[in-house]
Amino acid sequence: MVKTIRLTQEEVQSFVSAASRCDFDIDICYNRYVVDAKSFLGVYGLDFSRPLRVSYDGYSEEFEQVLKKYTVAS
């Protein structure tokens, strides 16, 4: 599954917390950079002025609800 999101610096902690509770891999991509969505420092180091692409293969209702808050129209 791939979704496009926008985050602010203030939203990183809640996003990473939700991702960390998932038992599957979640990556965030921006241009050629790919970081683990469960890494606070990795996510915090991204450019928040641009949309970010989240890719994952599992399912968690809680994570889907968090993603819904940050998803942008593609």
Protein backbone atom coordinates (compact mmCIF):
# COMPACT_ATOMS: atom_id res chain seq x y z
CA MET A 1 0.00 0.00 0.00
CA VAL A 2 1.31 3.48 -0.84
CA LYS A 3 -0.13 6.76 0.44
CA THR A 4 0.98 10.36 0.12
CA ILE A 5 1.04 12.38 3.32
CA ARG A 6 2.11 15.75 4.67
CA LEU A 7 3.56 16.13 8.15
CA THR A 8 4.67 19.05 10.25
CA GLN A 9 7.49 18.89 12.75
CA GLU A 10 4.93 18.82 15.55
CA GLU A 11 3.14 15.78 14.06
CA VAL A 12 6.22 13.57 13.70
CA GLN A 13 6.06 12.15 17.24
CA SER A 14 2.44 10.93 16.93
CA PHE A 15 3.10 9.49 13.46
CA VAL A 16 6.25 7.62 14.55
CA SER A 17 4.48 6.33 17.69
CA ALA A 18 1.65 4.88 15.61
CA ALA A 19 4.09 3.36 13.12
CA SER A 20 6.15 1.82 15.93
CA ARG A 21 3.14 -0.11 17.20
CA CYS A 22 2.77 -1.90 13.84
CA ASP A 23 4.35 -5.33 13.35
CA PHE A 24 5.21 -4.73 9.68
CA ASP A 25 7.76 -2.53 7.89
CA ILE A 26 6.80 1.03 7.00
CA ASP A 27 8.97 3.28 4.84
CA ILE A 28 8.72 6.96 4.06
CA CYS A 29 10.15 8.12 0.74
CA TYR A 30 11.06 11.56 -0.51
CA ASN A 31 12.96 11.81 -3.80
CA ARG A 32 15.79 9.30 -3.44
CA TYR A 33 15.66 9.14 0.37
CA VAL A 34 13.96 6.20 2.08
CA VAL A 35 13.71 6.12 5.86
CA ASP A 36 12.16 3.77 8.37
CA ALA A 37 8.89 5.33 9.57
CA LYS A 38 9.58 3.92 13.04
CA SER A 39 12.72 6.07 13.37
CA PHE A 40 12.02 9.46 14.93
CA LEU A 41 15.34 10.92 13.78
CA GLY A 42 14.94 9.49 10.29
CA VAL A 43 11.47 10.96 9.82
CA TYR A 44 12.37 14.24 11.53
CA GLY A 45 15.24 14.72 9.07
CA LEU A 46 12.92 14.79 6.04
CA ASP A 47 11.77 17.90 4.17
CA PHE A 48 8.27 18.67 5.49
CA SER A 49 7.57 21.29 2.83
CA ARG A 50 6.95 18.48 0.31
CA PRO A 51 4.52 15.55 0.25
CA LEU A 52 6.00 12.30 1.56
CA ARG A 53 5.19 8.82 0.26
CA VAL A 54 4.46 6.12 2.84
CA SER A 55 4.72 2.49 1.72
CA TYR A 56 3.79 -0.57 3.79
CA ASP A 57 2.48 -4.10 3.32
CA GLY A 58 0.56 -4.83 6.52
CA TYR A 59 -2.66 -3.58 8.05
CA SER A 60 -3.42 -1.88 11.34
CA GLU A 61 -6.70 -0.07 11.97
CA GLU A 62 -4.96 2.38 14.32
CA PHE A 63 -2.26 3.18 11.76
CA GLU A 64 -4.87 3.64 9.02
CA GLN A 65 -6.68 6.19 11.22
CA VAL A 66 -3.43 8.10 11.79
CA LEU A 67 -2.64 8.03 8.06
CA LYS A 68 -6.11 9.34 7.27
CA LYS A 69 -5.30 12.52 9.23
CA TYR A 70 -2.18 13.20 7.16
CA THR A 71 -3.14 11.91 3.70
CA VAL A 72 -3.25 14.42 0.85
CA ALA A 73 -5.11 14.08 -2.43
CA SER A 74 -2.88 12.60 -5.11
